[in-house]
Amino acid sequence: MPQRRFLTASAAALALAVLIAVVTARGDHPFALDTALHDWALEHRSPGWVDFFTVVTDSGSRGLPHLLAALAGALTVPRGRRWAGAIVGAGALVLAQWLRYVLVTAVDRARPPAADWTRHVNGDALPSGHASTAALTAIGLAVALLPHCHRTVTRALAIGVPAAGAVAVGASRVSLGVHWPTDILAGWLFATVVTCVLLPPLGRALGRTRE
């Protein structure tokens, strides 16, 4: 693993481990920052914002991330082998989601009060599944698109658009009242660790599809 990727993965893993340790020690007591941002989101929530963020949050699930992951995988291989790249890309996202499920079950953090939710949700809170899935998809798309971008503007768009989408999905979970902000942060940290660890073997797997 290149040094920069190793340092990034190590820093994200350490931050995630510390966050999980503190959350576990606090039990069902959220951080003051969590409650402050949660209350702010509820105070500024309107029917229009709920409708908007419902659309945004749905983009972080219901198959769209898997289609985008498949697209990212397909873009990294020659045209005649795009189907194989798509399978690898979508499969990598499924594997990461399974790892997230194992972690979220082990942490077992409660969500915000159900009275604050705009929709019914299931499962534990940290790390957020929507936030981690959106971040994983955004990173995969950016990595796949960058080799095809040869101008500064297009390279900036290849990074900025997926990143903005991931941030919007994370914000939507807080606005809809179903996650604490640190659940979202944990999802982003988890996605960072997973992509740093999985990108090298994923690249080798995609490389074999070129043969």
Protein backbone atom coordinates (compact mmCIF):
# COMPACT_ATOMS: atom_id res chain seq x y z
CA MET A 1 0.00 0.00 0.00
CA PRO A 2 1.50 3.39 -0.98
CA GLN A 3 2.55 5.53 1.97
CA ARG A 4 -0.12 8.21 1.45
CA ARG A 5 -2.89 5.63 1.27
CA PHE A 6 -1.50 3.85 4.32
CA LEU A 7 -1.41 7.08 6.33
CA THR A 8 -4.92 8.01 5.26
CA ALA A 9 -6.27 4.58 6.16
CA SER A 10 -4.44 4.60 9.51
CA ALA A 11 -5.70 8.07 10.46
CA ALA A 12 -9.29 7.25 9.49
CA ALA A 13 -9.19 3.89 11.27
CA LEU A 14 -7.80 5.49 14.44
CA ALA A 15 -10.44 8.23 14.38
CA LEU A 16 -13.19 5.67 13.83
CA ALA A 17 -11.90 3.45 16.62
CA VAL A 18 -11.75 6.37 19.06
CA LEU A 19 -15.24 7.50 18.08
CA ILE A 20 -16.65 3.99 18.55
CA ALA A 21 -14.89 3.61 21.91
CA VAL A 22 -16.29 6.90 23.22
CA VAL A 23 -19.77 6.17 21.88
CA THR A 24 -19.73 2.75 23.51
CA ALA A 25 -18.57 4.22 26.82
CA ARG A 26 -21.34 6.82 26.76
CA GLY A 27 -24.07 4.27 26.15
CA ASP A 28 -27.31 5.88 24.98
CA HIS A 29 -26.12 9.42 25.76
CA PRO A 30 -25.38 11.35 22.53
CA PHE A 31 -22.68 13.99 22.33
CA ALA A 32 -23.61 17.61 22.99
CA LEU A 33 -22.65 18.41 19.39
CA ASP A 34 -24.97 15.64 18.19
CA THR A 35 -27.95 16.99 20.08
CA ALA A 36 -27.19 20.59 19.12
CA LEU A 37 -27.01 19.83 15.39
CA HIS A 38 -29.97 17.46 15.62
CA ASP A 39 -32.10 20.13 17.31
CA TRP A 40 -30.97 22.75 14.78
CA ALA A 41 -31.99 20.45 11.91
CA LEU A 42 -35.41 19.88 13.46
CA GLU A 43 -35.96 23.61 14.05
CA HIS A 44 -35.17 24.44 10.42
CA ARG A 45 -37.04 21.51 8.91
CA SER A 46 -39.94 22.40 6.63
CA PRO A 47 -42.24 20.30 4.40
CA GLY A 48 -40.26 21.41 1.36
CA TRP A 49 -36.94 20.43 2.91
CA VAL A 50 -38.39 17.08 4.01
CA ASP A 51 -39.51 16.36 0.45
CA PHE A 52 -36.14 17.39 -0.95
CA PHE A 53 -34.09 15.41 1.54
CA THR A 54 -36.35 12.39 1.12
CA VAL A 55 -35.42 12.30 -2.56
CA VAL A 56 -31.75 12.80 -1.68
CA THR A 57 -31.74 10.09 0.97
CA ASP A 58 -33.44 7.63 -1.40
CA SER A 59 -30.58 8.19 -3.87
CA GLY A 60 -28.31 6.64 -1.25
CA SER A 61 -30.18 3.34 -1.41
CA ARG A 62 -32.71 1.42 -3.52
CA GLY A 63 -30.14 0.09 -5.97
CA LEU A 64 -28.79 3.36 -7.36
CA PRO A 65 -25.43 3.11 -5.53
CA HIS A 66 -24.96 -0.42 -6.87
CA LEU A 67 -25.63 0.77 -10.41
CA LEU A 68 -23.11 3.57 -9.96
CA ALA A 69 -20.56 1.15 -8.47
CA ALA A 70 -21.09 -1.11 -11.47
CA LEU A 71 -20.60 1.88 -13.77
CA ALA A 72 -17.37 2.77 -11.96
CA GLY A 73 -16.08 -0.77 -12.38
CA ALA A 74 -17.06 -0.82 -16.05
CA LEU A 75 -15.20 2.43 -16.74
CA THR A 76 -11.91 0.95 -15.57
CA VAL A 77 -11.72 -1.88 -18.12
CA PRO A 78 -11.70 -2.09 -21.93
CA ARG A 79 -15.04 -1.82 -23.69
CA GLY A 80 -15.26 -5.52 -24.48
CA ARG A 81 -14.93 -6.46 -20.80
CA ARG A 82 -17.21 -3.83 -19.29
CA TRP A 83 -19.60 -6.46 -17.93
CA ALA A 84 -16.82 -8.04 -15.85
CA GLY A 85 -15.77 -4.66 -14.48
CA ALA A 86 -19.38 -3.90 -13.58
CA ILE A 87 -19.67 -7.15 -11.62
CA VAL A 88 -16.47 -6.45 -9.72
CA GLY A 89 -17.52 -2.88 -8.93
CA ALA A 90 -20.97 -3.81 -7.66
CA GLY A 91 -19.57 -6.80 -5.78
CA ALA A 92 -17.04 -4.61 -3.98
CA LEU A 93 -19.83 -2.32 -2.76
CA VAL A 94 -21.86 -5.29 -1.51
CA LEU A 95 -18.82 -6.58 0.40
CA ALA A 96 -18.27 -3.16 1.99
CA GLN A 97 -21.93 -2.96 2.99
CA TRP A 98 -21.69 -6.36 4.63
CA LEU A 99 -18.64 -5.24 6.60
CA ARG A 100 -20.54 -2.12 7.66
CA TYR A 101 -23.46 -4.26 8.81
CA VAL A 102 -21.14 -6.37 10.97
CA LEU A 103 -19.67 -3.23 12.53
CA VAL A 104 -22.98 -1.42 13.12
CA THR A 105 -24.41 -4.52 14.78
CA ALA A 106 -21.39 -4.80 17.06
CA VAL A 107 -21.51 -1.11 18.07
CA ASP A 108 -25.30 -1.22 18.66
CA ARG A 109 -25.82 2.55 18.96
CA ALA A 110 -29.40 3.80 19.29
CA ARG A 111 -30.84 6.25 16.80
CA PRO A 112 -32.37 9.61 17.75
CA PRO A 113 -35.87 9.48 19.30
CA ALA A 114 -38.43 7.98 16.91
CA ALA A 115 -40.68 11.00 17.44
CA ASP A 116 -38.14 13.06 15.47
CA TRP A 117 -38.14 10.75 12.42
CA THR A 118 -39.90 11.71 9.21
CA ARG A 119 -39.96 8.06 8.12
CA HIS A 120 -39.66 4.67 9.75
CA VAL A 121 -36.16 3.16 9.75
CA ASN A 122 -34.63 -0.07 11.02
CA GLY A 123 -31.30 -1.11 12.44
CA ASP A 124 -28.66 0.49 14.58
CA ALA A 125 -27.13 3.88 13.97
CA LEU A 126 -23.32 3.95 13.78
CA PRO A 127 -21.87 3.96 11.21
CA SER A 128 -24.68 5.19 8.98
CA GLY A 129 -25.40 2.84 6.10
CA HIS A 130 -26.58 5.59 3.75
CA ALA A 131 -23.57 7.80 4.52
CA SER A 132 -21.03 5.01 4.11
CA THR A 133 -22.65 3.68 0.93
CA ALA A 134 -22.82 7.14 -0.64
CA ALA A 135 -19.19 7.85 0.28
CA LEU A 136 -17.99 4.49 -1.05
CA THR A 137 -19.85 5.09 -4.30
CA ALA A 138 -18.51 8.64 -4.60
CA ILE A 139 -14.92 7.55 -4.09
CA GLY A 140 -15.30 4.70 -6.57
CA LEU A 141 -16.79 6.98 -9.21
CA ALA A 142 -14.11 9.63 -8.74
CA VAL A 143 -11.31 7.07 -9.02
CA ALA A 144 -12.90 5.59 -12.16
CA LEU A 145 -13.61 8.93 -13.83
CA LEU A 146 -10.30 10.70 -13.21
CA PRO A 147 -8.27 8.74 -15.81
CA HIS A 148 -10.82 9.83 -18.44
CA CYS A 149 -10.58 13.51 -17.46
CA HIS A 150 -7.75 15.49 -19.01
CA ARG A 151 -8.77 19.05 -18.17
CA THR A 152 -8.70 20.78 -14.80
CA VAL A 153 -12.42 21.54 -14.93
CA THR A 154 -13.48 17.98 -15.75
CA ARG A 155 -11.17 16.57 -13.10
CA ALA A 156 -12.65 18.94 -10.54
CA LEU A 157 -16.16 17.86 -11.57
CA ALA A 158 -15.19 14.19 -11.39
CA ILE A 159 -14.27 14.68 -7.75
CA GLY A 160 -16.66 17.45 -6.73
CA VAL A 161 -19.97 16.10 -8.04
CA PRO A 162 -19.73 12.65 -6.40
CA ALA A 163 -18.41 14.24 -3.19
CA ALA A 164 -21.30 16.73 -3.11
CA GLY A 165 -23.74 13.86 -3.56
CA ALA A 166 -22.21 11.94 -0.66
CA VAL A 167 -22.33 15.01 1.60
CA ALA A 168 -25.96 15.66 0.63
CA VAL A 169 -26.97 12.08 1.48
CA GLY A 170 -25.28 12.37 4.87
CA ALA A 171 -26.98 15.69 5.56
CA SER A 172 -30.33 14.23 4.58
CA ARG A 173 -30.11 11.56 7.28
CA VAL A 174 -29.63 14.23 9.96
CA SER A 175 -32.33 16.47 8.51
CA LEU A 176 -34.83 13.61 8.45
CA GLY A 177 -34.05 12.95 12.11
CA VAL A 178 -32.94 9.33 11.72
CA HIS A 179 -29.21 9.70 12.50
CA TRP A 180 -26.94 11.63 14.81
CA PRO A 181 -24.26 13.68 12.99
CA THR A 182 -21.49 11.45 14.40
CA ASP A 183 -23.21 8.46 12.78
CA ILE A 184 -22.60 10.21 9.46
CA LEU A 185 -19.00 11.02 10.37
CA ALA A 186 -18.44 7.38 11.27
CA GLY A 187 -19.87 6.34 7.90
CA TRP A 188 -17.43 8.58 6.06
CA LEU A 189 -14.49 7.33 8.14
CA PHE A 190 -15.53 3.74 7.52
CA ALA A 191 -15.75 4.38 3.77
CA THR A 192 -12.29 5.94 3.79
CA VAL A 193 -10.74 2.94 5.53
CA VAL A 194 -12.50 0.41 3.32
CA THR A 195 -11.59 2.08 0.06
CA CYS A 196 -7.95 2.48 1.07
CA VAL A 197 -7.77 -1.22 1.96
CA LEU A 198 -9.88 -2.61 -0.90
CA LEU A 199 -8.68 -0.44 -3.80
CA PRO A 200 -5.40 -2.34 -4.38
CA PRO A 201 -6.99 -5.85 -4.60
CA LEU A 202 -9.94 -4.38 -6.49
CA GLY A 203 -7.52 -2.84 -8.98
CA ARG A 204 -5.78 -6.19 -9.40
CA ALA A 205 -9.13 -7.92 -9.95
CA LEU A 206 -10.10 -5.36 -12.56
CA GLY A 207 -6.66 -5.70 -14.12
CA ARG A 208 -7.27 -9.41 -14.65
CA THR A 209 -10.43 -8.61 -16.60
CA ARG A 210 -8.24 -6.89 -19.20
CA GLU A 211 -6.43 -10.13 -20.00
